[in-house]
N, C-alpha and C. Protein backbone atom coordinates (compact mmCIF):
# COMPACT_ATOMS: atom_id res chain seq x y z
N MET A 1 -3.28 -4.11 15.55
CA MET A 1 -2.75 -5.10 14.66
C MET A 1 -1.54 -4.49 13.96
N GLN A 2 -0.47 -5.25 13.83
CA GLN A 2 0.75 -4.79 13.17
C GLN A 2 0.82 -5.34 11.75
N VAL A 3 1.10 -4.45 10.79
CA VAL A 3 1.29 -4.83 9.40
C VAL A 3 2.61 -4.25 8.95
N LYS A 4 3.43 -5.06 8.28
CA LYS A 4 4.69 -4.57 7.73
C LYS A 4 4.42 -4.05 6.32
N VAL A 5 4.92 -2.85 6.03
CA VAL A 5 4.79 -2.27 4.69
C VAL A 5 6.20 -2.11 4.13
N LYS A 6 6.40 -2.62 2.92
CA LYS A 6 7.68 -2.48 2.23
C LYS A 6 7.49 -1.55 1.05
N TYR A 7 8.39 -0.56 0.98
CA TYR A 7 8.31 0.47 -0.05
C TYR A 7 9.43 0.26 -1.07
N LEU A 8 9.09 0.40 -2.33
CA LEU A 8 10.08 0.31 -3.41
C LEU A 8 10.08 1.62 -4.19
N ALA A 9 11.21 1.97 -4.75
CA ALA A 9 11.37 3.11 -5.66
C ALA A 9 10.78 4.40 -5.09
N ARG A 10 9.85 5.00 -5.79
CA ARG A 10 9.30 6.31 -5.42
C ARG A 10 8.64 6.29 -4.04
N ALA A 11 7.93 5.21 -3.73
CA ALA A 11 7.28 5.12 -2.41
C ALA A 11 8.32 5.16 -1.30
N ARG A 12 9.48 4.57 -1.55
CA ARG A 12 10.56 4.59 -0.56
C ARG A 12 11.08 6.02 -0.38
N GLU A 13 11.21 6.73 -1.49
CA GLU A 13 11.67 8.13 -1.42
C GLU A 13 10.69 8.98 -0.62
N ILE A 14 9.40 8.78 -0.86
CA ILE A 14 8.38 9.58 -0.19
C ILE A 14 8.33 9.26 1.31
N SER A 15 8.35 7.97 1.64
CA SER A 15 8.23 7.57 3.05
C SER A 15 9.52 7.80 3.82
N GLY A 16 10.66 7.75 3.11
CA GLY A 16 11.94 7.91 3.77
C GLY A 16 12.46 6.65 4.43
N VAL A 17 11.74 5.54 4.24
CA VAL A 17 12.16 4.26 4.83
C VAL A 17 11.96 3.14 3.82
N ARG A 18 12.71 2.08 4.00
CA ARG A 18 12.58 0.89 3.14
C ARG A 18 11.36 0.07 3.54
N GLU A 19 11.14 -0.02 4.84
CA GLU A 19 9.97 -0.73 5.36
C GLU A 19 9.66 -0.20 6.75
N GLU A 20 8.43 -0.44 7.16
CA GLU A 20 8.02 -0.03 8.50
C GLU A 20 6.86 -0.90 8.97
N ASN A 21 6.74 -1.01 10.27
CA ASN A 21 5.59 -1.66 10.87
C ASN A 21 4.55 -0.60 11.17
N VAL A 22 3.33 -0.85 10.75
CA VAL A 22 2.25 0.11 10.91
C VAL A 22 1.18 -0.52 11.78
N GLU A 23 0.73 0.24 12.76
CA GLU A 23 -0.35 -0.21 13.64
C GLU A 23 -1.68 0.18 13.00
N THR A 24 -2.53 -0.82 12.76
CA THR A 24 -3.85 -0.58 12.18
C THR A 24 -4.91 -1.06 13.15
N SER A 25 -6.13 -0.58 12.94
CA SER A 25 -7.23 -1.09 13.74
C SER A 25 -7.56 -2.51 13.29
N ASN A 26 -8.24 -3.22 14.15
CA ASN A 26 -8.62 -4.59 13.82
C ASN A 26 -10.13 -4.68 13.87
N PRO A 27 -10.80 -4.95 12.77
CA PRO A 27 -10.30 -5.37 11.47
C PRO A 27 -9.95 -4.17 10.58
N SER A 28 -9.09 -4.42 9.59
CA SER A 28 -8.72 -3.42 8.60
C SER A 28 -8.59 -4.07 7.24
N THR A 29 -8.87 -3.29 6.22
CA THR A 29 -8.70 -3.75 4.84
C THR A 29 -7.43 -3.13 4.26
N ILE A 30 -7.07 -3.58 3.09
CA ILE A 30 -5.93 -2.97 2.39
C ILE A 30 -6.21 -1.50 2.12
N MET A 31 -7.44 -1.16 1.76
CA MET A 31 -7.78 0.25 1.52
C MET A 31 -7.61 1.07 2.79
N ASP A 32 -8.00 0.52 3.93
CA ASP A 32 -7.80 1.21 5.21
C ASP A 32 -6.32 1.49 5.44
N LEU A 33 -5.49 0.50 5.14
CA LEU A 33 -4.05 0.66 5.33
C LEU A 33 -3.49 1.71 4.39
N LEU A 34 -3.89 1.69 3.13
CA LEU A 34 -3.39 2.69 2.17
C LEU A 34 -3.80 4.10 2.58
N THR A 35 -5.01 4.24 3.08
CA THR A 35 -5.48 5.54 3.56
C THR A 35 -4.64 6.00 4.75
N LEU A 36 -4.35 5.09 5.64
CA LEU A 36 -3.50 5.39 6.80
C LEU A 36 -2.11 5.82 6.36
N LEU A 37 -1.55 5.14 5.37
CA LEU A 37 -0.22 5.51 4.86
C LEU A 37 -0.22 6.90 4.25
N ALA A 38 -1.29 7.23 3.52
CA ALA A 38 -1.40 8.56 2.92
C ALA A 38 -1.48 9.63 4.01
N GLU A 39 -2.21 9.35 5.09
CA GLU A 39 -2.31 10.30 6.20
C GLU A 39 -0.96 10.44 6.90
N LYS A 40 -0.29 9.33 7.09
CA LYS A 40 0.98 9.33 7.82
C LYS A 40 2.09 10.04 7.07
N HIS A 41 2.17 9.80 5.76
CA HIS A 41 3.29 10.31 4.97
C HIS A 41 2.95 11.54 4.12
N GLY A 42 1.73 12.01 4.21
CA GLY A 42 1.39 13.29 3.60
C GLY A 42 0.95 13.24 2.15
N GLU A 43 0.85 14.44 1.61
CA GLU A 43 0.31 14.67 0.28
C GLU A 43 1.06 13.90 -0.81
N GLY A 44 2.38 13.82 -0.69
CA GLY A 44 3.17 13.11 -1.70
C GLY A 44 2.78 11.65 -1.78
N MET A 45 2.58 11.02 -0.64
CA MET A 45 2.17 9.61 -0.63
C MET A 45 0.75 9.46 -1.13
N ARG A 46 -0.12 10.37 -0.72
CA ARG A 46 -1.51 10.32 -1.19
C ARG A 46 -1.56 10.41 -2.72
N ASP A 47 -0.81 11.35 -3.28
CA ASP A 47 -0.80 11.51 -4.74
C ASP A 47 -0.18 10.31 -5.44
N TYR A 48 0.81 9.68 -4.79
CA TYR A 48 1.45 8.51 -5.37
C TYR A 48 0.51 7.30 -5.36
N LEU A 49 -0.23 7.13 -4.28
CA LEU A 49 -1.08 5.95 -4.13
C LEU A 49 -2.44 6.07 -4.81
N PHE A 50 -3.04 7.27 -4.76
CA PHE A 50 -4.43 7.41 -5.17
C PHE A 50 -4.62 8.33 -6.38
N ASP A 51 -5.54 7.94 -7.23
CA ASP A 51 -5.97 8.77 -8.36
C ASP A 51 -6.83 9.89 -7.80
N SER A 52 -6.48 11.14 -8.08
CA SER A 52 -7.20 12.27 -7.49
C SER A 52 -8.63 12.39 -8.03
N THR A 53 -8.89 11.83 -9.20
CA THR A 53 -10.22 11.90 -9.79
C THR A 53 -11.16 10.86 -9.19
N THR A 54 -10.68 9.63 -9.08
CA THR A 54 -11.54 8.53 -8.61
C THR A 54 -11.42 8.26 -7.12
N GLY A 55 -10.30 8.65 -6.52
CA GLY A 55 -10.05 8.35 -5.12
C GLY A 55 -9.62 6.91 -4.89
N LYS A 56 -9.46 6.16 -5.97
CA LYS A 56 -9.04 4.75 -5.88
C LYS A 56 -7.54 4.65 -6.11
N PRO A 57 -6.94 3.56 -5.63
CA PRO A 57 -5.50 3.38 -5.88
C PRO A 57 -5.19 3.38 -7.39
N HIS A 58 -4.06 3.95 -7.73
CA HIS A 58 -3.64 3.98 -9.13
C HIS A 58 -3.56 2.57 -9.69
N THR A 59 -4.07 2.39 -10.90
CA THR A 59 -4.09 1.07 -11.52
C THR A 59 -2.71 0.62 -11.97
N TYR A 60 -1.76 1.53 -12.12
CA TYR A 60 -0.43 1.14 -12.56
C TYR A 60 0.46 0.64 -11.41
N LEU A 61 0.00 0.79 -10.18
CA LEU A 61 0.74 0.24 -9.04
C LEU A 61 0.28 -1.18 -8.77
N GLN A 62 1.20 -2.00 -8.30
CA GLN A 62 0.86 -3.35 -7.86
C GLN A 62 1.00 -3.40 -6.35
N PHE A 63 0.13 -4.15 -5.72
CA PHE A 63 0.16 -4.32 -4.27
C PHE A 63 0.18 -5.81 -3.98
N LEU A 64 1.20 -6.24 -3.26
CA LEU A 64 1.33 -7.65 -2.91
C LEU A 64 1.10 -7.81 -1.42
N LEU A 65 0.18 -8.68 -1.07
CA LEU A 65 -0.09 -8.98 0.33
C LEU A 65 0.40 -10.39 0.59
N ASP A 66 1.43 -10.49 1.43
CA ASP A 66 2.05 -11.78 1.73
C ASP A 66 2.42 -12.53 0.45
N GLY A 67 2.94 -11.78 -0.53
CA GLY A 67 3.43 -12.37 -1.77
C GLY A 67 2.39 -12.59 -2.85
N ARG A 68 1.14 -12.27 -2.58
CA ARG A 68 0.07 -12.46 -3.57
C ARG A 68 -0.48 -11.11 -4.01
N SER A 69 -0.74 -10.99 -5.31
CA SER A 69 -1.33 -9.76 -5.83
C SER A 69 -2.73 -9.58 -5.25
N VAL A 70 -3.03 -8.36 -4.82
CA VAL A 70 -4.35 -8.10 -4.26
C VAL A 70 -5.43 -8.29 -5.32
N HIS A 71 -5.06 -8.23 -6.59
CA HIS A 71 -6.03 -8.41 -7.66
C HIS A 71 -6.49 -9.86 -7.78
N THR A 72 -5.76 -10.80 -7.19
CA THR A 72 -6.18 -12.19 -7.19
C THR A 72 -6.99 -12.52 -5.94
N MET A 73 -7.16 -11.53 -5.07
CA MET A 73 -7.93 -11.72 -3.85
C MET A 73 -9.19 -10.85 -3.96
N ASN A 74 -9.59 -10.24 -2.89
CA ASN A 74 -10.77 -9.37 -2.87
C ASN A 74 -10.36 -7.92 -3.09
N GLN A 75 -9.31 -7.74 -3.87
CA GLN A 75 -8.72 -6.44 -4.18
C GLN A 75 -8.51 -5.62 -2.92
N PHE A 76 -8.94 -4.37 -2.92
CA PHE A 76 -8.64 -3.48 -1.80
C PHE A 76 -9.58 -3.66 -0.62
N ASP A 77 -10.57 -4.53 -0.77
CA ASP A 77 -11.44 -4.89 0.34
C ASP A 77 -10.92 -6.11 1.09
N THR A 78 -9.76 -6.62 0.67
CA THR A 78 -9.15 -7.77 1.33
C THR A 78 -8.82 -7.41 2.78
N MET A 79 -9.21 -8.28 3.69
CA MET A 79 -8.94 -8.06 5.10
C MET A 79 -7.48 -8.38 5.42
N LEU A 80 -6.90 -7.58 6.29
CA LEU A 80 -5.53 -7.79 6.72
C LEU A 80 -5.48 -8.71 7.94
N ASN A 81 -4.41 -9.46 8.03
CA ASN A 81 -4.14 -10.28 9.20
C ASN A 81 -2.99 -9.67 9.98
N ASP A 82 -2.96 -9.92 11.28
CA ASP A 82 -1.85 -9.45 12.09
C ASP A 82 -0.55 -10.01 11.53
N GLU A 83 0.46 -9.16 11.44
CA GLU A 83 1.79 -9.50 10.94
C GLU A 83 1.82 -9.79 9.44
N ALA A 84 0.82 -9.31 8.71
CA ALA A 84 0.84 -9.41 7.25
C ALA A 84 1.90 -8.47 6.71
N THR A 85 2.30 -8.70 5.46
CA THR A 85 3.27 -7.84 4.79
C THR A 85 2.66 -7.35 3.47
N LEU A 86 2.64 -6.02 3.31
CA LEU A 86 2.18 -5.41 2.07
C LEU A 86 3.37 -4.78 1.37
N VAL A 87 3.55 -5.10 0.09
CA VAL A 87 4.62 -4.51 -0.70
C VAL A 87 3.97 -3.63 -1.77
N ILE A 88 4.43 -2.39 -1.88
CA ILE A 88 3.94 -1.48 -2.91
C ILE A 88 4.96 -1.51 -4.04
N VAL A 89 4.52 -2.01 -5.20
CA VAL A 89 5.40 -2.22 -6.34
C VAL A 89 5.10 -1.18 -7.42
N PRO A 90 6.12 -0.42 -7.83
CA PRO A 90 5.90 0.60 -8.86
C PRO A 90 5.77 -0.05 -10.24
N PRO A 91 5.34 0.74 -11.22
CA PRO A 91 5.28 0.20 -12.57
C PRO A 91 6.67 -0.16 -13.06
N VAL A 92 6.76 -1.22 -13.82
CA VAL A 92 8.04 -1.68 -14.34
C VAL A 92 7.94 -1.74 -15.85
N SER A 93 8.97 -1.24 -16.51
CA SER A 93 9.00 -1.33 -17.97
C SER A 93 10.40 -1.69 -18.41
N GLY A 94 10.52 -2.02 -19.63
CA GLY A 94 11.82 -2.38 -20.17
C GLY A 94 11.65 -3.44 -21.24
N GLY A 95 12.75 -3.86 -21.72
CA GLY A 95 12.62 -4.84 -22.79
C GLY A 95 13.91 -5.55 -23.03
């Protein structure tokens, strides 16, 4: 199954690409995909995506699957569809 991943800010720096198509097993969850990305892009990506204490994705990152926040779905247990798009959004601040 092919999933497009779009990287913004720090994730783009770590991955070295703006976006990429990633081959995942079918079925796969968002957590499966994030784990695959950490394996593919190394320690820097793992540290960026996951809290080293809990092993869960950092709460300050937002993840959009086909334009919807994963928090409005089944969170990281949400199943992926072929040709889905996941965007990793860094924390945003300002005023």
